[in-house]
Amino acid sequence: MAEHEHNKENRSDAMSPEILGAINMATSAAVKEAVTAMMAGMAPLIKQITDASAFSPEKLGAAMREANKDPEEEARKAKEIERKLREMTLWKEDEAENRRLLAERQDNCLHQDDNGRSSIQLVHNFPDHHARGLCVKCQALIYPREWRIGAPTPENPRGVPFLFGPHKNYQTVVQLQNRG
């Protein structure tokens, strides 16, 4: 009698062969549908692989990367690149404006402190042993005539040297040098 009660609790005998057959048929149909859908998505990749011209490792890798692309990830990357370009453009505009304002401030500076004395300090640590001046108000470097290296050309890939004229206030540096 205990064995009969045990069978009532065990529901495994409730599955009849007909039900098991229906479950097997439904499962195989679902698997067949999934494989068909997967193969339909992979058909372009398989076609590229089977082409004679697409059988190099580089082209195979490119085809695999193309197949694995996520449209949302690509859209996110495109927005990120667009944002970086926009920020770079704004940064370059800000830098150009800052350079313009600095040049304007240095051009309009009298290089004198509030008491009317020169605000130019002499700098002697250059390898050509010529004194330079540095205005402590506008941070302008006042230089003598000197050699500079220009932009590179095809003939001179390291740049073209040229003689650059002195700063417009270099005479003040010479006067300060002669006084001291």
N, C-alpha and C. Protein backbone atom coordinates (compact mmCIF):
# COMPACT_ATOMS: atom_id res chain seq x y z
N MET A 1 0.81 -1.18 0.00
CA MET A 1 0.00 0.00 0.00
C MET A 1 0.87 1.27 0.00
N ALA A 2 2.00 1.23 0.69
CA ALA A 2 2.92 2.37 0.71
C ALA A 2 3.50 2.59 -0.68
N GLU A 3 3.70 1.49 -1.42
CA GLU A 3 4.22 1.60 -2.78
C GLU A 3 3.22 2.30 -3.69
N HIS A 4 1.95 2.02 -3.53
CA HIS A 4 0.91 2.63 -4.33
C HIS A 4 0.81 4.14 -4.05
N GLU A 5 0.97 4.56 -2.78
CA GLU A 5 0.95 5.98 -2.43
C GLU A 5 2.16 6.69 -3.02
N HIS A 6 3.29 5.97 -3.07
CA HIS A 6 4.52 6.55 -3.64
C HIS A 6 4.32 6.84 -5.13
N ASN A 7 3.61 6.00 -5.85
CA ASN A 7 3.35 6.20 -7.27
C ASN A 7 2.46 7.41 -7.53
N LYS A 8 1.58 7.72 -6.60
CA LYS A 8 0.72 8.88 -6.76
C LYS A 8 1.54 10.18 -6.68
N GLU A 9 2.59 10.17 -5.83
CA GLU A 9 3.42 11.35 -5.70
C GLU A 9 4.36 11.50 -6.89
N ASN A 10 4.79 10.40 -7.47
CA ASN A 10 5.71 10.44 -8.61
C ASN A 10 4.90 10.66 -9.87
N ARG A 11 5.09 11.80 -10.55
CA ARG A 11 4.29 12.16 -11.71
C ARG A 11 4.95 11.75 -13.02
N SER A 12 6.14 11.09 -12.99
CA SER A 12 6.85 10.74 -14.21
C SER A 12 6.06 9.77 -15.08
N ASP A 13 5.22 8.96 -14.50
CA ASP A 13 4.44 8.03 -15.32
C ASP A 13 3.25 8.72 -15.98
N ALA A 14 3.02 10.03 -15.68
CA ALA A 14 1.92 10.77 -16.28
C ALA A 14 2.23 11.15 -17.73
N MET A 15 3.52 11.11 -18.14
CA MET A 15 3.91 11.44 -19.49
C MET A 15 3.67 10.23 -20.39
N SER A 16 2.76 10.33 -21.23
CA SER A 16 2.47 9.22 -22.12
C SER A 16 3.38 9.31 -23.34
N PRO A 17 3.58 8.27 -24.08
CA PRO A 17 4.42 8.31 -25.28
C PRO A 17 3.93 9.33 -26.29
N GLU A 18 2.63 9.56 -26.37
CA GLU A 18 2.11 10.55 -27.30
C GLU A 18 2.55 11.96 -26.91
N ILE A 19 2.50 12.26 -25.61
CA ILE A 19 2.91 13.59 -25.13
C ILE A 19 4.41 13.77 -25.35
N LEU A 20 5.18 12.73 -25.03
CA LEU A 20 6.63 12.81 -25.25
C LEU A 20 6.95 13.02 -26.73
N GLY A 21 6.24 12.37 -27.61
CA GLY A 21 6.45 12.55 -29.05
C GLY A 21 6.13 13.97 -29.49
N ALA A 22 5.05 14.55 -28.98
CA ALA A 22 4.68 15.92 -29.31
C ALA A 22 5.74 16.91 -28.82
N ILE A 23 6.26 16.67 -27.63
CA ILE A 23 7.32 17.55 -27.08
C ILE A 23 8.56 17.45 -27.95
N ASN A 24 8.94 16.24 -28.36
CA ASN A 24 10.12 16.05 -29.22
C ASN A 24 9.94 16.75 -30.56
N MET A 25 8.76 16.64 -31.14
CA MET A 25 8.49 17.28 -32.43
C MET A 25 8.56 18.81 -32.31
N ALA A 26 8.01 19.39 -31.22
CA ALA A 26 8.03 20.83 -31.01
C ALA A 26 9.47 21.32 -30.80
N THR A 27 10.25 20.55 -30.05
CA THR A 27 11.65 20.92 -29.80
C THR A 27 12.46 20.89 -31.08
N SER A 28 12.29 19.83 -31.87
CA SER A 28 13.06 19.74 -33.12
C SER A 28 12.63 20.83 -34.10
N ALA A 29 11.36 21.21 -34.12
CA ALA A 29 10.91 22.29 -34.99
C ALA A 29 11.51 23.62 -34.55
N ALA A 30 11.60 23.85 -33.25
CA ALA A 30 12.19 25.10 -32.74
C ALA A 30 13.68 25.16 -33.06
N VAL A 31 14.38 24.03 -32.91
CA VAL A 31 15.81 23.99 -33.22
C VAL A 31 16.03 24.23 -34.70
N LYS A 32 15.19 23.59 -35.54
CA LYS A 32 15.31 23.76 -36.99
C LYS A 32 15.08 25.23 -37.37
N GLU A 33 14.11 25.88 -36.77
CA GLU A 33 13.82 27.27 -37.06
C GLU A 33 14.98 28.18 -36.63
N ALA A 34 15.57 27.91 -35.46
CA ALA A 34 16.70 28.70 -34.97
C ALA A 34 17.92 28.53 -35.86
N VAL A 35 18.21 27.32 -36.29
CA VAL A 35 19.36 27.07 -37.16
C VAL A 35 19.14 27.74 -38.51
N THR A 36 17.92 27.70 -39.03
CA THR A 36 17.62 28.33 -40.31
C THR A 36 17.82 29.85 -40.21
N ALA A 37 17.36 30.44 -39.13
CA ALA A 37 17.52 31.89 -38.95
C ALA A 37 18.99 32.25 -38.80
N MET A 38 19.74 31.44 -38.07
CA MET A 38 21.16 31.70 -37.89
C MET A 38 21.91 31.59 -39.22
N MET A 39 21.58 30.58 -40.00
CA MET A 39 22.25 30.39 -41.30
C MET A 39 21.87 31.51 -42.27
N ALA A 40 20.64 32.00 -42.18
CA ALA A 40 20.24 33.11 -43.04
C ALA A 40 21.05 34.37 -42.71
N GLY A 41 21.34 34.59 -41.44
CA GLY A 41 22.15 35.73 -41.04
C GLY A 41 23.61 35.56 -41.41
N MET A 42 24.07 34.34 -41.48
CA MET A 42 25.48 34.07 -41.79
C MET A 42 25.71 33.85 -43.28
N ALA A 43 24.64 33.85 -44.09
CA ALA A 43 24.78 33.57 -45.52
C ALA A 43 25.75 34.54 -46.21
N PRO A 44 25.68 35.87 -45.98
CA PRO A 44 26.65 36.75 -46.64
C PRO A 44 28.09 36.45 -46.24
N LEU A 45 28.29 36.11 -44.96
CA LEU A 45 29.63 35.78 -44.49
C LEU A 45 30.13 34.50 -45.15
N ILE A 46 29.28 33.52 -45.24
CA ILE A 46 29.67 32.25 -45.87
C ILE A 46 29.96 32.47 -47.36
N LYS A 47 29.16 33.35 -48.00
CA LYS A 47 29.41 33.63 -49.41
C LYS A 47 30.77 34.30 -49.60
N GLN A 48 31.11 35.25 -48.72
CA GLN A 48 32.42 35.91 -48.81
C GLN A 48 33.55 34.92 -48.56
N ILE A 49 33.36 34.02 -47.63
CA ILE A 49 34.42 33.04 -47.33
C ILE A 49 34.63 32.10 -48.50
N THR A 50 33.54 31.70 -49.16
CA THR A 50 33.67 30.74 -50.25
C THR A 50 34.18 31.38 -51.54
N ASP A 51 34.09 32.73 -51.66
CA ASP A 51 34.67 33.39 -52.83
C ASP A 51 36.17 33.15 -52.85
N ALA A 52 36.73 32.95 -54.01
CA ALA A 52 38.17 32.70 -54.13
C ALA A 52 38.96 33.93 -53.72
N SER A 53 38.44 35.14 -54.01
CA SER A 53 39.17 36.36 -53.70
C SER A 53 39.10 36.72 -52.22
N ALA A 54 38.16 36.17 -51.49
CA ALA A 54 37.98 36.54 -50.09
C ALA A 54 38.58 35.49 -49.16
N PHE A 55 39.55 34.75 -49.61
CA PHE A 55 40.07 33.67 -48.78
C PHE A 55 41.38 34.03 -48.09
N SER A 56 41.78 35.31 -48.13
CA SER A 56 43.00 35.71 -47.43
C SER A 56 42.65 35.95 -45.95
N PRO A 57 43.62 35.81 -45.07
CA PRO A 57 43.34 36.01 -43.64
C PRO A 57 42.86 37.43 -43.32
N GLU A 58 43.39 38.43 -44.06
CA GLU A 58 42.96 39.80 -43.80
C GLU A 58 41.50 39.99 -44.15
N LYS A 59 41.10 39.47 -45.31
CA LYS A 59 39.71 39.63 -45.74
C LYS A 59 38.78 38.79 -44.86
N LEU A 60 39.24 37.64 -44.42
CA LEU A 60 38.43 36.82 -43.53
C LEU A 60 38.23 37.54 -42.20
N GLY A 61 39.29 38.15 -41.68
CA GLY A 61 39.18 38.90 -40.43
C GLY A 61 38.26 40.10 -40.58
N ALA A 62 38.36 40.80 -41.72
CA ALA A 62 37.49 41.94 -41.97
C ALA A 62 36.03 41.50 -42.06
N ALA A 63 35.79 40.37 -42.72
CA ALA A 63 34.42 39.87 -42.84
C ALA A 63 33.87 39.48 -41.47
N MET A 64 34.71 38.89 -40.63
CA MET A 64 34.27 38.51 -39.29
C MET A 64 33.96 39.76 -38.45
N ARG A 65 34.81 40.79 -38.56
CA ARG A 65 34.55 42.02 -37.82
C ARG A 65 33.25 42.67 -38.30
N GLU A 66 33.04 42.65 -39.62
CA GLU A 66 31.82 43.21 -40.19
C GLU A 66 30.59 42.47 -39.69
N ALA A 67 30.70 41.14 -39.59
CA ALA A 67 29.56 40.35 -39.14
C ALA A 67 29.29 40.56 -37.65
N ASN A 68 30.33 40.88 -36.89
CA ASN A 68 30.17 41.03 -35.44
C ASN A 68 29.87 42.47 -35.02
N LYS A 69 29.70 43.39 -35.96
CA LYS A 69 29.44 44.78 -35.60
C LYS A 69 28.08 44.92 -34.93
N ASP A 70 28.08 45.73 -33.90
CA ASP A 70 26.85 46.04 -33.19
C ASP A 70 26.41 47.43 -33.62
N PRO A 71 25.22 47.58 -34.21
CA PRO A 71 24.80 48.90 -34.70
C PRO A 71 24.76 49.96 -33.60
N GLU A 72 24.35 49.57 -32.41
CA GLU A 72 24.31 50.55 -31.31
C GLU A 72 25.71 50.99 -30.93
N GLU A 73 26.65 50.04 -30.92
CA GLU A 73 28.05 50.37 -30.60
C GLU A 73 28.64 51.28 -31.67
N GLU A 74 28.34 51.00 -32.93
CA GLU A 74 28.82 51.85 -34.03
C GLU A 74 28.25 53.25 -33.92
N ALA A 75 26.98 53.37 -33.57
CA ALA A 75 26.35 54.68 -33.41
C ALA A 75 26.98 55.43 -32.24
N ARG A 76 27.27 54.72 -31.15
CA ARG A 76 27.91 55.34 -29.99
C ARG A 76 29.31 55.83 -30.35
N LYS A 77 30.06 55.02 -31.11
CA LYS A 77 31.41 55.41 -31.52
C LYS A 77 31.35 56.64 -32.44
N ALA A 78 30.39 56.67 -33.34
CA ALA A 78 30.25 57.81 -34.25
C ALA A 78 29.94 59.08 -33.46
N LYS A 79 29.06 59.00 -32.46
CA LYS A 79 28.75 60.16 -31.64
C LYS A 79 29.96 60.60 -30.83
N GLU A 80 30.75 59.63 -30.35
CA GLU A 80 31.96 59.95 -29.59
C GLU A 80 32.98 60.68 -30.46
N ILE A 81 33.15 60.21 -31.69
CA ILE A 81 34.08 60.86 -32.61
C ILE A 81 33.60 62.27 -32.95
N GLU A 82 32.30 62.40 -33.18
CA GLU A 82 31.73 63.72 -33.49
C GLU A 82 31.93 64.68 -32.32
N ARG A 83 31.73 64.19 -31.08
CA ARG A 83 31.92 65.01 -29.89
C ARG A 83 33.38 65.45 -29.76
N LYS A 84 34.31 64.51 -29.99
CA LYS A 84 35.74 64.84 -29.89
C LYS A 84 36.14 65.87 -30.94
N LEU A 85 35.62 65.74 -32.16
CA LEU A 85 35.93 66.72 -33.20
C LEU A 85 35.39 68.10 -32.84
N ARG A 86 34.19 68.13 -32.30
CA ARG A 86 33.58 69.39 -31.89
C ARG A 86 34.41 70.03 -30.76
N GLU A 87 34.82 69.22 -29.78
CA GLU A 87 35.63 69.75 -28.68
C GLU A 87 36.98 70.23 -29.17
N MET A 88 37.58 69.49 -30.12
CA MET A 88 38.88 69.89 -30.66
C MET A 88 38.77 71.21 -31.41
N THR A 89 37.70 71.38 -32.17
CA THR A 89 37.49 72.63 -32.89
C THR A 89 37.33 73.80 -31.92
N LEU A 90 36.54 73.60 -30.88
CA LEU A 90 36.36 74.65 -29.87
C LEU A 90 37.67 74.96 -29.16
N TRP A 91 38.44 73.93 -28.85
CA TRP A 91 39.73 74.12 -28.18
C TRP A 91 40.68 74.93 -29.06
N LYS A 92 40.72 74.60 -30.37
CA LYS A 92 41.60 75.33 -31.28
C LYS A 92 41.17 76.80 -31.39
N GLU A 93 39.87 77.04 -31.43
CA GLU A 93 39.37 78.41 -31.48
C GLU A 93 39.76 79.17 -30.21
N ASP A 94 39.63 78.52 -29.04
CA ASP A 94 40.01 79.15 -27.78
C ASP A 94 41.51 79.45 -27.75
N GLU A 95 42.31 78.51 -28.23
CA GLU A 95 43.76 78.72 -28.25
C GLU A 95 44.14 79.88 -29.17
N ALA A 96 43.51 79.97 -30.32
CA ALA A 96 43.79 81.08 -31.25
C ALA A 96 43.39 82.41 -30.61
N GLU A 97 42.26 82.45 -29.94
CA GLU A 97 41.82 83.67 -29.26
C GLU A 97 42.79 84.04 -28.14
N ASN A 98 43.25 83.04 -27.38
CA ASN A 98 44.21 83.32 -26.30
C ASN A 98 45.53 83.85 -26.85
N ARG A 99 46.01 83.28 -27.96
CA ARG A 99 47.25 83.77 -28.57
C ARG A 99 47.07 85.21 -29.06
N ARG A 100 45.92 85.50 -29.66
CA ARG A 100 45.66 86.84 -30.15
C ARG A 100 45.63 87.85 -29.00
N LEU A 101 44.96 87.49 -27.91
CA LEU A 101 44.87 88.39 -26.75
C LEU A 101 46.24 88.60 -26.10
N LEU A 102 47.06 87.54 -26.01
CA LEU A 102 48.39 87.66 -25.44
C LEU A 102 49.26 88.58 -26.30
N ALA A 103 49.22 88.38 -27.62
CA ALA A 103 50.01 89.23 -28.52
C ALA A 103 49.56 90.69 -28.41
N GLU A 104 48.26 90.91 -28.31
CA GLU A 104 47.73 92.27 -28.19
C GLU A 104 48.18 92.90 -26.87
N ARG A 105 48.11 92.14 -25.79
CA ARG A 105 48.52 92.65 -24.48
C ARG A 105 50.03 92.98 -24.48
N GLN A 106 50.85 92.10 -25.09
CA GLN A 106 52.29 92.34 -25.14
C GLN A 106 52.62 93.53 -26.04
N ASP A 107 51.91 93.69 -27.15
CA ASP A 107 52.16 94.83 -28.04
C ASP A 107 51.80 96.16 -27.39
N ASN A 108 50.79 96.17 -26.54
CA ASN A 108 50.33 97.41 -25.92
C ASN A 108 51.00 97.69 -24.57
N CYS A 109 51.83 96.78 -24.11
CA CYS A 109 52.48 96.96 -22.81
C CYS A 109 53.59 98.01 -22.95
N LEU A 110 53.70 98.89 -21.96
CA LEU A 110 54.74 99.91 -21.95
C LEU A 110 56.04 99.40 -21.35
N HIS A 111 56.02 98.20 -20.79
CA HIS A 111 57.17 97.57 -20.13
C HIS A 111 57.71 98.47 -19.02
N GLN A 112 56.78 99.07 -18.26
CA GLN A 112 57.14 99.90 -17.12
C GLN A 112 56.23 99.53 -15.96
N ASP A 113 56.81 99.62 -14.74
CA ASP A 113 55.98 99.35 -13.56
C ASP A 113 55.20 100.62 -13.20
N ASP A 114 54.51 100.60 -12.07
CA ASP A 114 53.64 101.73 -11.69
C ASP A 114 54.44 102.99 -11.37
N ASN A 115 55.71 102.86 -11.06
CA ASN A 115 56.55 104.02 -10.73
C ASN A 115 57.29 104.56 -11.95
N GLY A 116 57.03 104.03 -13.11
CA GLY A 116 57.66 104.52 -14.33
C GLY A 116 59.02 103.89 -14.62
N ARG A 117 59.43 102.92 -13.81
CA ARG A 117 60.71 102.25 -14.06
C ARG A 117 60.49 101.08 -15.00
N SER A 118 61.54 100.63 -15.61
CA SER A 118 61.45 99.53 -16.56
C SER A 118 61.04 98.24 -15.84
N SER A 119 60.13 97.51 -16.42
CA SER A 119 59.72 96.22 -15.86
C SER A 119 60.41 95.07 -16.57
N ILE A 120 61.44 95.38 -17.34
CA ILE A 120 62.18 94.35 -18.08
C ILE A 120 63.33 93.85 -17.22
N GLN A 121 63.39 92.55 -17.03
CA GLN A 121 64.48 91.91 -16.30
C GLN A 121 65.40 91.25 -17.32
N LEU A 122 66.68 91.33 -17.08
CA LEU A 122 67.66 90.75 -18.00
C LEU A 122 67.79 89.25 -17.77
N VAL A 123 67.95 88.53 -18.88
CA VAL A 123 68.14 87.07 -18.83
C VAL A 123 69.45 86.78 -19.55
N HIS A 124 70.37 86.07 -18.87
CA HIS A 124 71.71 85.83 -19.44
C HIS A 124 72.00 84.36 -19.70
N ASN A 125 71.04 83.48 -19.61
CA ASN A 125 71.35 82.05 -19.70
C ASN A 125 71.05 81.43 -21.07
N PHE A 126 71.38 82.14 -22.13
CA PHE A 126 71.20 81.59 -23.47
C PHE A 126 72.57 81.20 -24.02
N PRO A 127 72.62 80.18 -24.87
CA PRO A 127 73.92 79.67 -25.32
C PRO A 127 74.70 80.64 -26.21
N ASP A 128 74.05 81.62 -26.81
CA ASP A 128 74.78 82.56 -27.67
C ASP A 128 75.37 83.73 -26.87
N HIS A 129 75.15 83.77 -25.54
CA HIS A 129 75.70 84.78 -24.63
C HIS A 129 75.18 86.19 -24.89
N HIS A 130 74.07 86.31 -25.60
CA HIS A 130 73.44 87.61 -25.78
C HIS A 130 72.34 87.75 -24.73
N ALA A 131 72.25 88.94 -24.15
CA ALA A 131 71.23 89.17 -23.14
C ALA A 131 69.86 89.24 -23.81
N ARG A 132 68.87 88.74 -23.10
CA ARG A 132 67.48 88.89 -23.49
C ARG A 132 66.77 89.61 -22.36
N GLY A 133 65.59 90.12 -22.65
CA GLY A 133 64.80 90.77 -21.63
C GLY A 133 63.48 90.06 -21.47
N LEU A 134 62.97 90.06 -20.23
CA LEU A 134 61.67 89.47 -19.95
C LEU A 134 60.86 90.49 -19.17
N CYS A 135 59.76 90.92 -19.75
CA CYS A 135 58.88 91.88 -19.08
C CYS A 135 58.07 91.13 -18.02
N VAL A 136 58.14 91.57 -16.79
CA VAL A 136 57.44 90.86 -15.72
C VAL A 136 55.95 91.18 -15.69
N LYS A 137 55.52 92.18 -16.44
CA LYS A 137 54.10 92.52 -16.49
C LYS A 137 53.36 91.72 -17.57
N CYS A 138 53.96 91.61 -18.76
CA CYS A 138 53.24 90.94 -19.86
C CYS A 138 53.91 89.63 -20.29
N GLN A 139 55.01 89.25 -19.66
CA GLN A 139 55.76 88.03 -19.95
C GLN A 139 56.26 87.98 -21.40
N ALA A 140 56.55 89.12 -21.98
CA ALA A 140 57.10 89.17 -23.33
C ALA A 140 58.60 88.90 -23.26
N LEU A 141 59.09 88.02 -24.12
CA LEU A 141 60.52 87.78 -24.24
C LEU A 141 61.05 88.71 -25.31
N ILE A 142 62.03 89.53 -24.93
CA ILE A 142 62.60 90.52 -25.85
C ILE A 142 63.96 89.98 -26.28
N TYR A 143 64.09 89.64 -27.54
CA TYR A 143 65.23 88.88 -28.06
C TYR A 143 66.02 89.71 -29.07
N PRO A 144 67.32 89.37 -29.26
CA PRO A 144 68.13 90.02 -30.29
C PRO A 144 67.88 89.36 -31.65
N ARG A 145 68.59 89.81 -32.66
CA ARG A 145 68.53 89.14 -33.95
C ARG A 145 69.09 87.73 -33.75
N GLU A 146 68.40 86.72 -34.27
CA GLU A 146 68.81 85.34 -34.01
C GLU A 146 68.42 84.42 -35.15
N TRP A 147 69.11 83.29 -35.19
CA TRP A 147 68.78 82.26 -36.17
C TRP A 147 67.61 81.44 -35.65
N ARG A 148 66.67 81.14 -36.55
CA ARG A 148 65.53 80.29 -36.21
C ARG A 148 65.38 79.24 -37.30
N ILE A 149 64.70 78.17 -36.96
CA ILE A 149 64.46 77.08 -37.90
C ILE A 149 63.01 77.18 -38.36
N GLY A 150 62.82 77.28 -39.68
CA GLY A 150 61.48 77.41 -40.25
C GLY A 150 60.84 76.04 -40.49
N ALA A 151 59.74 76.07 -41.20
CA ALA A 151 58.99 74.85 -41.50
C ALA A 151 59.80 73.95 -42.43
N PRO A 152 59.65 72.64 -42.28
CA PRO A 152 60.38 71.73 -43.17
C PRO A 152 59.86 71.78 -44.60
N THR A 153 60.77 71.51 -45.53
CA THR A 153 60.43 71.43 -46.95
C THR A 153 60.91 70.09 -47.46
N PRO A 154 60.51 69.69 -48.67
CA PRO A 154 61.02 68.41 -49.20
C PRO A 154 62.55 68.40 -49.33
N GLU A 155 63.14 69.55 -49.64
CA GLU A 155 64.60 69.62 -49.77
C GLU A 155 65.28 69.64 -48.40
N ASN A 156 64.64 70.26 -47.41
CA ASN A 156 65.18 70.38 -46.05
C ASN A 156 64.18 69.81 -45.05
N PRO A 157 64.18 68.50 -44.84
CA PRO A 157 63.17 67.91 -43.95
C PRO A 157 63.31 68.33 -42.48
N ARG A 158 64.46 68.88 -42.10
CA ARG A 158 64.64 69.34 -40.73
C ARG A 158 64.29 70.81 -40.55
N GLY A 159 63.90 71.45 -41.60
CA GLY A 159 63.53 72.85 -41.54
C GLY A 159 64.58 73.74 -42.17
N VAL A 160 64.16 74.94 -42.54
CA VAL A 160 65.03 75.90 -43.21
C VAL A 160 65.48 76.94 -42.19
N PRO A 161 66.80 77.07 -41.93
CA PRO A 161 67.25 78.11 -41.00
C PRO A 161 67.18 79.49 -41.66
N PHE A 162 66.81 80.49 -40.87
CA PHE A 162 66.76 81.86 -41.39
C PHE A 162 67.09 82.82 -40.25
N LEU A 163 67.53 84.00 -40.61
CA LEU A 163 67.89 85.03 -39.64
C LEU A 163 66.63 85.83 -39.33
N PHE A 164 66.29 85.90 -38.04
CA PHE A 164 65.08 86.57 -37.58
C PHE A 164 65.48 87.88 -36.90
N GLY A 165 64.82 88.95 -37.23
CA GLY A 165 65.16 90.28 -36.71
C GLY A 165 64.90 90.40 -35.22
N PRO A 166 65.47 91.43 -34.59
CA PRO A 166 65.30 91.61 -33.15
C PRO A 166 63.89 92.10 -32.80
N HIS A 167 63.53 91.90 -31.54
CA HIS A 167 62.26 92.40 -31.01
C HIS A 167 62.28 93.93 -31.08
N LYS A 168 61.11 94.53 -31.22
CA LYS A 168 61.04 95.99 -31.38
C LYS A 168 61.57 96.75 -30.18
N ASN A 169 61.61 96.12 -28.99
CA ASN A 169 62.10 96.78 -27.79
C ASN A 169 63.49 96.28 -27.37
N TYR A 170 64.23 95.67 -28.27
CA TYR A 170 65.53 95.12 -27.88
C TYR A 170 66.50 96.23 -27.50
N GLN A 171 66.35 97.43 -28.02
CA GLN A 171 67.24 98.53 -27.67
C GLN A 171 67.17 98.83 -26.18
N THR A 172 65.99 98.64 -25.57
CA THR A 172 65.84 98.83 -24.13
C THR A 172 66.67 97.81 -23.36
N VAL A 173 66.72 96.59 -23.84
CA VAL A 173 67.53 95.55 -23.20
C VAL A 173 69.01 95.93 -23.30
N VAL A 174 69.45 96.43 -24.44
CA VAL A 174 70.85 96.85 -24.61
C VAL A 174 71.17 97.99 -23.64
N GLN A 175 70.27 98.95 -23.48
CA GLN A 175 70.49 100.05 -22.55
C GLN A 175 70.58 99.54 -21.11
N LEU A 176 69.70 98.61 -20.73
CA LEU A 176 69.75 98.05 -19.37
C LEU A 176 71.04 97.27 -19.17
N GLN A 177 71.49 96.57 -20.18
CA GLN A 177 72.72 95.79 -20.11
C GLN A 177 73.92 96.73 -19.91
N ASN A 178 73.95 97.84 -20.62
CA ASN A 178 75.06 98.78 -20.52
C ASN A 178 75.07 99.55 -19.19
N ARG A 179 73.89 99.72 -18.59
CA ARG A 179 73.81 100.41 -17.30
C ARG A 179 74.38 99.55 -16.17
N GLY A 180 74.14 98.24 -16.26
CA GLY A 180 74.45 97.36 -15.14
C GLY A 180 75.79 96.81 -15.19
